[in-house]
Amino acid sequence: MHYDIVIVGGGAGGLELASRLGRRLGGRRIASHGGKRRVLLIDRSSFHIWKPTLHEVAAGTLDVHQEGVSYSILGRSNGFNFLLGELATFDPGAKRLTLKAITDQGGQVLAPERTITFTYGVLAIGSGSNLFGTPGAEQAYLLERTEDAEVFHARLLAAFTRASFSADKIMRVAIVGGGATGVELSAELIEAHRELLGSLGDEQRFRLDITVVEAAERILGGLPPEIADKAKLALERKGVAVKTDAKVLAVHADRLETSRGDVLADLIVWAAGVKAAEANRGFGLETNRGNQFVVNDRLETSSPDIWALGDCAAAPWKDGKTVPARAQAAHQQASYLERVLIARLRQGHVQTPFVYRDFGSLVSLGDNKGVGALMGGLGGPNFFIEGLLAKWAYMSLHLDHHRAILGVGRTATLAIARLLQQRVSGRLKLH
């Protein structure tokens, strides 16, 4: 199989890029290759969900089966082809990649190993958590993929049931990492617990103790101190214990061992650090210590006609820093690479480099609350917002992503359907 453009990874950046290119090129097919569309998107999952909402899936306040969108359906409506598979080998010189065979739970081969060639390639394969070599860290739950969030949700429901019939009526959750994921997950778990208590009798009610453990001196280290302070205060008012300047020394089945003492836990979630996959080092491209692909200010990797975007790319920014691993960065990079690749297909070049513009940060704290700073890094003062306004702004980012891949009409339909579903079945998913 051969395609003009192959995009590996259907996250926020990869899917938006495929949708943008597909809409512009989908009507023109490659006559010499069976009339296939010119753009191919590859992902190891069959459906897409916006990664910043995984904490909601984990808590059960977002139904992934309602929110998830099929890549195949998106490809049909946006003019690109989709192929299910996980990257096995990548040869940038030959412009060829191989996908692993797909097997069922019994090991039976559903789809064989497949080889694809391309003219231009884009890597958007994201990143995962950094365990920092912590002993026992593999026992903790991760929230890197939709499957991770669903597994945690199942364990959470089991833990809820166990706690409601326990002698002490207490359930303990420890979250390693005080970044956006850790903070938002803690707030969402409080919301889930509150919803659950409304359906339980007095004899089954239990207390939920959540501890957020952060190695740095404050949570939300990448955000302005004002936001971090407001978020910490909001969490503590909800009953979340925030333990900063506490390095995790080891993870045990029932507790965290930290530099500031042990933290008892029935469930442990690891939400600290960002690190790309070790496999990236074997793809023939320059990588950094975090296994990210090193790219220049045009998002070009060390091999011609190969680009990388999103969390898997180390793109230069300012003061020696790289572009942060945020959804807004992937969105901007997808917009830039659309122009670059269209120009290449027309035998031209985009002369201007990619420039990341920081539009600020928003953190959801549940219960129609949030904190954030808008217009950061644009030369003017930051605008700090909180409460319902910040929550609405946070939700608008989610809707804007759907608008980019679904269009305005379908996004509005999805939003209304989600609202109506909550009215019928409640906000918390208990199945």
Protein backbone atom coordinates (compact mmCIF):
# COMPACT_ATOMS: atom_id res chain seq x y z
CA MET A 1 0.00 0.00 0.00
CA HIS A 2 1.24 3.46 -0.86
CA TYR A 3 -0.10 6.87 0.20
CA ASP A 4 1.00 10.42 -0.41
CA ILE A 5 0.77 11.26 3.29
CA VAL A 6 0.77 8.84 6.21
CA ILE A 7 0.04 10.08 9.73
CA VAL A 8 0.83 7.69 12.59
CA GLY A 9 -1.20 8.50 15.70
CA GLY A 10 -4.80 9.65 15.97
CA GLY A 11 -4.54 11.92 19.00
CA ALA A 12 -5.55 15.57 19.06
CA GLY A 13 -2.84 16.67 16.62
CA GLY A 14 -2.74 13.65 14.31
CA LEU A 15 -6.50 13.42 13.87
CA GLU A 16 -6.91 17.15 13.30
CA LEU A 17 -4.14 17.08 10.68
CA ALA A 18 -5.69 14.08 8.90
CA SER A 19 -9.10 15.77 8.94
CA ARG A 20 -7.74 19.06 7.58
CA LEU A 21 -5.76 17.36 4.81
CA GLY A 22 -8.52 14.89 4.02
CA ARG A 23 -11.07 17.63 3.50
CA ARG A 24 -8.73 19.38 1.08
CA LEU A 25 -7.46 16.29 -0.72
CA GLY A 26 -10.10 13.63 -0.13
CA GLY A 27 -11.94 14.34 -3.35
CA ARG A 28 -8.80 13.68 -5.38
CA ARG A 29 -7.76 10.04 -5.29
CA ILE A 30 -4.66 8.24 -6.53
CA ALA A 31 -5.75 6.68 -9.81
CA SER A 32 -2.65 4.49 -10.08
CA HIS A 33 -3.28 2.86 -6.68
CA GLY A 34 -6.84 1.65 -6.85
CA GLY A 35 -8.41 5.05 -6.32
CA LYS A 36 -7.40 5.25 -2.65
CA ARG A 37 -7.54 8.54 -0.84
CA ARG A 38 -4.24 10.36 -0.58
CA VAL A 39 -4.13 10.61 3.23
CA LEU A 40 -3.87 7.64 5.61
CA LEU A 41 -4.29 7.83 9.38
CA ILE A 42 -3.01 4.94 11.52
CA ASP A 43 -3.89 4.34 15.16
CA ARG A 44 -3.88 1.35 17.50
CA SER A 45 -7.42 2.13 18.68
CA SER A 46 -10.55 2.02 16.55
CA PHE A 47 -12.09 5.14 18.06
CA HIS A 48 -10.97 8.54 19.27
CA ILE A 49 -11.49 10.35 22.53
CA TRP A 50 -9.88 13.65 23.50
CA LYS A 51 -7.02 12.74 25.84
CA PRO A 52 -7.55 15.64 28.32
CA THR A 53 -10.90 14.03 29.24
CA LEU A 54 -9.44 10.65 30.28
CA HIS A 55 -9.68 11.63 33.95
CA GLU A 56 -13.45 11.98 33.47
CA VAL A 57 -13.63 8.52 31.90
CA ALA A 58 -11.63 7.14 34.83
CA ALA A 59 -13.98 8.71 37.37
CA GLY A 60 -17.07 7.64 35.44
CA THR A 61 -18.36 11.15 34.85
CA LEU A 62 -17.87 10.76 31.08
CA ASP A 63 -19.19 7.79 29.09
CA VAL A 64 -16.50 6.86 26.58
CA HIS A 65 -18.98 4.89 24.47
CA GLN A 66 -21.07 8.00 23.98
CA GLU A 67 -18.15 10.43 23.65
CA GLY A 68 -15.83 8.28 21.52
CA VAL A 69 -15.92 8.76 17.76
CA SER A 70 -15.01 6.04 15.25
CA TYR A 71 -11.91 6.80 13.16
CA SER A 72 -13.48 5.02 10.19
CA ILE A 73 -16.55 7.23 10.31
CA LEU A 74 -14.38 10.32 10.72
CA GLY A 75 -12.33 9.22 7.73
CA ARG A 76 -15.41 8.77 5.58
CA SER A 77 -16.74 12.23 6.43
CA ASN A 78 -13.38 14.02 6.29
CA GLY A 79 -11.87 12.35 3.23
CA PHE A 80 -9.01 10.26 4.66
CA ASN A 81 -8.43 6.53 4.97
CA PHE A 82 -7.98 4.85 8.35
CA LEU A 83 -6.00 1.74 9.21
CA LEU A 84 -6.07 0.02 12.59
CA GLY A 85 -2.63 -1.04 13.76
CA GLU A 86 0.39 -0.48 15.98
CA LEU A 87 3.74 0.61 14.60
CA ALA A 88 6.30 -2.23 14.50
CA THR A 89 9.08 -0.82 12.33
CA PHE A 90 9.72 2.55 10.73
CA ASP A 91 12.30 3.08 7.98
CA PRO A 92 12.59 6.82 7.24
CA GLY A 93 15.15 6.33 4.47
CA ALA A 94 12.99 3.93 2.49
CA LYS A 95 9.82 5.77 3.56
CA ARG A 96 8.31 2.51 4.66
CA LEU A 97 6.63 1.31 7.86
CA THR A 98 5.30 -1.99 9.13
CA LEU A 99 2.30 -2.54 11.39
CA LYS A 100 2.08 -5.39 13.86
CA ALA A 101 -0.36 -8.21 13.26
CA ILE A 102 -3.72 -7.80 15.02
CA THR A 103 -4.78 -10.73 17.21
CA ASP A 104 -7.84 -11.44 19.34
CA GLN A 105 -7.74 -12.34 23.03
CA GLY A 106 -7.15 -15.97 22.16
CA GLY A 107 -4.12 -15.15 20.02
CA GLN A 108 -5.82 -15.82 16.68
CA VAL A 109 -4.58 -13.51 13.92
CA LEU A 110 -7.29 -11.15 12.72
CA ALA A 111 -5.09 -9.05 10.43
CA PRO A 112 -1.56 -9.93 9.30
CA GLU A 113 1.50 -7.73 9.50
CA ARG A 114 1.17 -4.99 6.90
CA THR A 115 3.74 -2.83 5.08
CA ILE A 116 2.99 0.69 3.85
CA THR A 117 5.08 3.08 1.80
CA PHE A 118 4.57 6.82 1.63
CA THR A 119 5.85 10.04 0.13
CA TYR A 120 5.54 12.13 3.28
CA GLY A 121 5.28 10.87 6.85
CA VAL A 122 4.09 12.46 10.09
CA LEU A 123 4.64 10.93 13.52
CA ALA A 124 2.05 11.92 16.13
CA ILE A 125 2.28 8.95 18.47
CA GLY A 126 2.07 10.88 21.73
CA SER A 127 3.80 10.03 24.99
CA GLY A 128 3.25 8.21 28.27
CA SER A 129 4.03 8.55 31.94
CA ASN A 130 7.54 8.75 33.36
CA LEU A 131 7.93 6.31 36.26
CA PHE A 132 11.43 7.65 37.02
CA GLY A 133 12.61 4.14 37.89
CA THR A 134 10.52 4.14 41.08
CA PRO A 135 10.38 0.67 42.67
CA GLY A 136 6.91 -0.85 42.40
CA ALA A 137 5.56 1.95 40.20
CA GLU A 138 4.26 -0.59 37.69
CA GLN A 139 1.59 -1.50 40.27
CA ALA A 140 -0.02 1.94 39.95
CA TYR A 141 -2.78 2.69 37.46
CA LEU A 142 -1.89 4.88 34.47
CA LEU A 143 -4.16 7.13 32.42
CA GLU A 144 -2.36 7.11 29.07
CA ARG A 145 -5.02 5.49 26.89
CA THR A 146 -8.77 5.05 26.88
CA GLU A 147 -8.29 1.41 27.88
CA ASP A 148 -6.32 2.53 30.96
CA ALA A 149 -9.12 4.84 32.04
CA GLU A 150 -11.74 2.11 31.58
CA VAL A 151 -9.70 -0.40 33.59
CA PHE A 152 -9.31 2.11 36.41
CA HIS A 153 -13.03 2.91 36.32
CA ALA A 154 -13.89 -0.77 36.74
CA ARG A 155 -11.52 -1.03 39.71
CA LEU A 156 -12.97 2.17 41.13
CA LEU A 157 -16.51 0.81 41.08
CA ALA A 158 -15.31 -2.38 42.80
CA ALA A 159 -13.50 -0.30 45.43
CA PHE A 160 -16.63 1.80 45.98
CA THR A 161 -18.63 -1.36 46.66
CA ARG A 162 -15.96 -2.78 48.96
CA ALA A 163 -15.76 0.44 50.96
CA SER A 164 -19.54 0.67 51.37
CA PHE A 165 -19.54 -2.70 53.13
CA SER A 166 -16.24 -2.30 55.00
CA ALA A 167 -15.93 -1.93 58.76
CA ASP A 168 -14.31 1.52 58.75
CA LYS A 169 -16.33 2.88 55.79
CA ILE A 170 -13.27 4.59 54.29
CA MET A 171 -11.81 4.42 50.81
CA ARG A 172 -8.35 5.86 50.13
CA VAL A 173 -6.96 7.02 46.78
CA ALA A 174 -3.40 8.28 46.25
CA ILE A 175 -2.53 10.23 43.11
CA VAL A 176 1.14 10.64 42.23
CA GLY A 177 1.67 13.92 40.42
CA GLY A 178 0.19 17.35 41.00
CA GLY A 179 -0.01 18.36 37.35
CA ALA A 180 -3.23 19.02 35.47
CA THR A 181 -4.16 15.32 35.24
CA GLY A 182 -3.64 14.64 38.94
CA VAL A 183 -5.48 17.78 40.04
CA GLU A 184 -8.41 17.26 37.68
CA LEU A 185 -8.71 13.57 38.52
CA SER A 186 -8.88 14.28 42.25
CA ALA A 187 -11.64 16.85 41.72
CA GLU A 188 -13.57 14.51 39.41
CA LEU A 189 -13.35 11.64 41.91
CA ILE A 190 -14.84 13.88 44.58
CA GLU A 191 -17.72 14.62 42.19
CA ALA A 192 -18.20 10.92 41.44
CA HIS A 193 -18.25 10.06 45.15
CA ARG A 194 -20.79 12.80 45.83
CA GLU A 195 -23.05 11.51 43.05
CA LEU A 196 -22.75 7.95 44.36
CA LEU A 197 -23.66 8.88 47.94
CA GLY A 198 -26.99 10.18 46.70
CA SER A 199 -27.99 6.62 45.77
CA LEU A 200 -26.79 4.89 48.96
CA GLY A 201 -28.54 4.34 52.25
CA ASP A 202 -27.04 5.71 55.47
CA GLU A 203 -25.65 2.30 56.40
CA GLN A 204 -23.66 2.11 53.14
CA ARG A 205 -22.22 5.60 53.01
CA PHE A 206 -18.44 5.81 53.18
CA ARG A 207 -15.76 8.48 53.27
CA LEU A 208 -13.41 9.08 50.34
CA ASP A 209 -9.90 10.19 51.27
CA ILE A 210 -7.81 11.47 48.35
CA THR A 211 -4.17 12.48 48.62
CA VAL A 212 -2.29 14.21 45.81
CA VAL A 213 1.48 13.68 46.16
CA GLU A 214 3.78 16.11 44.34
CA ALA A 215 7.59 16.07 44.40
CA ALA A 216 7.88 19.80 43.62
CA GLU A 217 7.23 22.63 46.05
CA ARG A 218 3.78 23.30 44.55
CA ILE A 219 1.20 21.66 42.33
CA LEU A 220 0.65 22.75 38.69
CA GLY A 221 4.30 23.68 38.30
CA GLY A 222 3.93 24.70 34.67
CA LEU A 223 1.21 27.23 35.45
CA PRO A 224 1.40 30.63 37.16
CA PRO A 225 1.64 30.48 40.98
CA GLU A 226 -1.69 32.29 41.33
CA ILE A 227 -3.48 29.44 39.56
CA ALA A 228 -1.65 26.79 41.60
CA ASP A 229 -2.58 28.49 44.87
CA LYS A 230 -6.25 28.80 43.90
CA ALA A 231 -6.37 25.19 42.76
CA LYS A 232 -4.74 23.95 45.98
CA LEU A 233 -7.21 25.92 48.08
CA ALA A 234 -10.17 24.60 46.05
CA LEU A 235 -8.99 21.00 46.42
CA GLU A 236 -8.46 21.33 50.15
CA ARG A 237 -11.95 22.77 50.55
CA LYS A 238 -13.25 19.64 48.81
CA GLY A 239 -11.37 17.50 51.32
CA VAL A 240 -8.39 16.55 49.13
CA ALA A 241 -5.06 16.34 50.97
CA VAL A 242 -2.29 17.98 48.94
CA LYS A 243 1.20 16.84 49.94
CA THR A 244 3.94 18.81 48.15
CA ASP A 245 7.73 18.49 48.33
CA ALA A 246 7.15 14.76 48.76
CA LYS A 247 9.16 12.45 46.53
CA VAL A 248 7.75 8.96 45.99
CA LEU A 249 10.41 6.45 47.04
CA ALA A 250 8.43 3.27 46.35
CA VAL A 251 4.95 2.08 45.45
CA HIS A 252 3.42 -0.77 47.45
CA ALA A 253 0.12 -2.56 46.98
CA ASP A 254 -1.52 -0.68 49.85
CA ARG A 255 0.52 2.52 50.23
CA LEU A 256 2.97 5.04 48.84
CA GLU A 257 6.34 5.35 50.50
CA THR A 258 7.37 9.02 50.25
CA SER A 259 10.08 11.29 51.62
CA ARG A 260 7.43 12.75 53.92
CA GLY A 261 6.03 9.51 55.25
CA ASP A 262 3.70 6.78 54.01
CA VAL A 263 0.35 7.42 52.35
CA LEU A 264 -2.18 4.62 52.73
CA ALA A 265 -4.19 3.84 49.59
CA ASP A 266 -6.66 1.33 48.22
CA LEU A 267 -6.07 2.67 44.70
CA ILE A 268 -2.91 4.36 43.40
CA VAL A 269 -2.79 6.40 40.19
CA TRP A 270 0.49 7.50 38.61
CA ALA A 271 0.03 10.85 36.86
CA ALA A 272 3.56 12.25 37.12
CA GLY A 273 6.02 13.05 34.37
CA VAL A 274 5.89 12.76 30.60
CA LYS A 275 8.07 10.41 28.59
CA ALA A 276 7.77 9.13 25.03
CA ALA A 277 8.00 5.42 24.21
CA GLU A 278 11.38 3.65 24.28
CA ALA A 279 10.53 2.20 20.85
CA ASN A 280 11.02 5.65 19.32
CA ARG A 281 14.79 5.16 19.57
CA GLY A 282 14.61 2.32 17.06
CA PHE A 283 12.97 4.26 14.24
CA GLY A 284 16.16 5.71 12.74
CA LEU A 285 15.46 9.29 13.85
CA GLU A 286 17.26 11.54 16.33
CA THR A 287 15.67 11.44 19.80
CA ASN A 288 16.35 13.19 23.10
CA ARG A 289 16.64 11.78 26.63
CA GLY A 290 12.87 11.64 26.93
CA ASN A 291 12.63 9.55 23.72
CA GLN A 292 11.00 12.44 21.85
CA PHE A 293 11.86 13.01 18.21
CA VAL A 294 14.11 16.03 17.88
CA VAL A 295 12.61 18.44 15.34
CA ASN A 296 13.65 21.87 14.07
CA ASP A 297 11.56 25.05 13.94
CA ARG A 298 9.70 23.59 10.95
CA LEU A 299 8.82 20.39 12.82
CA GLU A 300 11.15 18.40 10.55
CA THR A 301 12.87 15.37 12.03
CA SER A 302 16.44 14.34 11.26
CA SER A 303 15.23 12.57 8.10
CA PRO A 304 13.89 14.39 5.00
CA ASP A 305 10.14 14.42 4.43
CA ILE A 306 9.41 13.13 7.96
CA TRP A 307 7.76 15.44 10.51
CA ALA A 308 6.68 14.96 14.12
CA LEU A 309 4.11 16.83 16.19
CA GLY A 310 2.50 16.73 19.61
CA ASP A 311 3.90 15.09 22.73
CA CYS A 312 6.31 12.83 20.80
CA ALA A 313 8.14 15.85 19.31
CA ALA A 314 10.75 18.03 21.00
CA ALA A 315 10.21 21.31 19.14
CA PRO A 316 12.28 24.40 20.00
CA TRP A 317 10.42 27.22 21.73
CA LYS A 318 12.15 29.96 23.72
CA ASP A 319 14.93 30.31 26.29
CA GLY A 320 16.20 26.86 25.36
CA LYS A 321 12.87 25.24 26.22
CA THR A 322 10.80 22.98 24.03
CA VAL A 323 7.14 23.39 23.15
CA PRO A 324 5.12 22.03 26.12
CA ALA A 325 3.11 18.83 25.82
CA ARG A 326 -0.34 20.42 25.62
CA ALA A 327 -3.35 19.89 23.40
CA GLN A 328 -3.17 23.50 22.20
CA ALA A 329 0.37 22.89 20.95
CA ALA A 330 -0.71 19.85 18.94
CA HIS A 331 -3.62 21.86 17.53
CA GLN A 332 -1.31 24.66 16.35
CA GLN A 333 1.21 22.21 14.92
CA ALA A 334 -1.50 20.42 12.96
CA SER A 335 -2.60 23.72 11.46
CA TYR A 336 1.00 24.54 10.49
CA LEU A 337 1.73 21.13 8.96
CA GLU A 338 -1.43 21.31 6.89
CA ARG A 339 0.05 24.30 5.05
CA VAL A 340 3.47 22.63 4.81
CA LEU A 341 2.19 19.37 3.33
CA ILE A 342 -0.22 21.00 0.91
CA ALA A 343 2.67 23.12 -0.33
CA ARG A 344 4.90 20.04 -0.73
CA LEU A 345 2.27 18.24 -2.76
CA ARG A 346 2.22 21.27 -5.05
CA GLN A 347 6.03 21.22 -5.35
CA GLY A 348 6.37 24.27 -3.11
CA HIS A 349 7.66 25.14 0.36
CA VAL A 350 6.44 27.07 3.39
CA GLN A 351 9.24 29.45 4.31
CA THR A 352 7.96 30.57 7.71
CA PRO A 353 8.88 28.48 10.78
CA PHE A 354 6.43 27.15 13.31
CA VAL A 355 5.88 29.56 16.21
CA TYR A 356 4.06 28.29 19.29
CA ARG A 357 1.73 30.83 20.89
CA ASP A 358 0.76 30.14 24.49
CA PHE A 359 -2.90 31.05 24.87
CA GLY A 360 -2.91 30.25 28.57
CA SER A 361 -3.92 27.33 30.74
CA LEU A 362 -7.18 26.11 32.23
CA VAL A 363 -7.77 23.50 34.92
CA SER A 364 -11.14 21.92 35.66
CA LEU A 365 -11.96 21.52 39.36
CA GLY A 366 -15.37 19.90 38.93
CA ASP A 367 -18.67 21.21 40.29
CA ASN A 368 -18.86 24.00 37.69
CA LYS A 369 -15.55 25.37 38.91
CA GLY A 370 -12.15 25.93 37.39
CA VAL A 371 -9.16 28.22 37.38
CA GLY A 372 -7.02 29.52 34.57
CA ALA A 373 -4.99 32.20 32.91
CA LEU A 374 -5.88 33.34 29.40
CA MET A 375 -3.75 35.09 26.78
CA GLY A 376 -0.51 34.00 28.44
CA GLY A 377 2.66 34.69 26.48
CA LEU A 378 1.10 37.12 24.01
CA GLY A 379 2.94 40.15 25.29
CA GLY A 380 0.12 41.52 27.42
CA PRO A 381 -0.97 40.77 30.97
CA ASN A 382 -2.55 37.46 31.86
CA PHE A 383 -6.28 37.39 32.49
CA PHE A 384 -7.00 35.21 35.49
CA ILE A 385 -10.43 33.60 35.56
CA GLU A 386 -12.06 31.19 37.95
CA GLY A 387 -15.38 29.61 38.84
CA LEU A 388 -18.10 28.99 36.29
CA LEU A 389 -16.45 31.23 33.67
CA ALA A 390 -13.26 29.15 33.79
CA LYS A 391 -15.31 25.94 33.61
CA TRP A 392 -17.13 27.17 30.51
CA ALA A 393 -13.83 28.18 28.93
CA TYR A 394 -12.44 24.71 29.68
CA MET A 395 -15.47 23.05 28.09
CA SER A 396 -15.11 25.27 25.03
CA LEU A 397 -11.66 23.78 24.36
CA HIS A 398 -13.21 20.32 24.22
CA LEU A 399 -15.96 21.51 21.89
CA ASP A 400 -13.45 23.30 19.67
CA HIS A 401 -11.55 20.05 19.18
CA HIS A 402 -14.75 18.30 18.14
CA ARG A 403 -15.57 21.18 15.81
CA ALA A 404 -12.23 20.65 14.06
CA ILE A 405 -12.97 16.99 13.34
CA LEU A 406 -16.78 16.90 13.18
CA GLY A 407 -17.87 20.36 12.09
CA VAL A 408 -20.18 22.78 13.87
CA GLY A 409 -23.47 20.94 13.33
CA ARG A 410 -22.33 17.53 14.55
CA THR A 411 -20.49 19.06 17.50
CA ALA A 412 -23.67 20.84 18.59
CA THR A 413 -25.61 17.58 18.25
CA LEU A 414 -23.03 15.72 20.35
CA ALA A 415 -23.11 18.38 23.07
CA ILE A 416 -26.91 18.32 23.25
CA ALA A 417 -26.95 14.50 23.29
CA ARG A 418 -24.47 14.44 26.17
CA LEU A 419 -26.58 16.93 28.14
CA LEU A 420 -29.79 14.97 27.56
CA GLN A 421 -28.10 11.68 28.46
CA GLN A 422 -27.02 13.15 31.79
CA ARG A 423 -30.58 14.30 32.43
CA VAL A 424 -31.85 10.76 31.85
CA SER A 425 -29.19 8.56 33.45
CA GLY A 426 -27.29 10.98 35.70
CA ARG A 427 -23.77 12.28 35.49
CA LEU A 428 -22.06 9.23 37.00
CA LYS A 429 -21.59 6.04 34.96
CA LEU A 430 -22.02 3.08 37.32
CA HIS A 431 -21.75 0.26 34.77
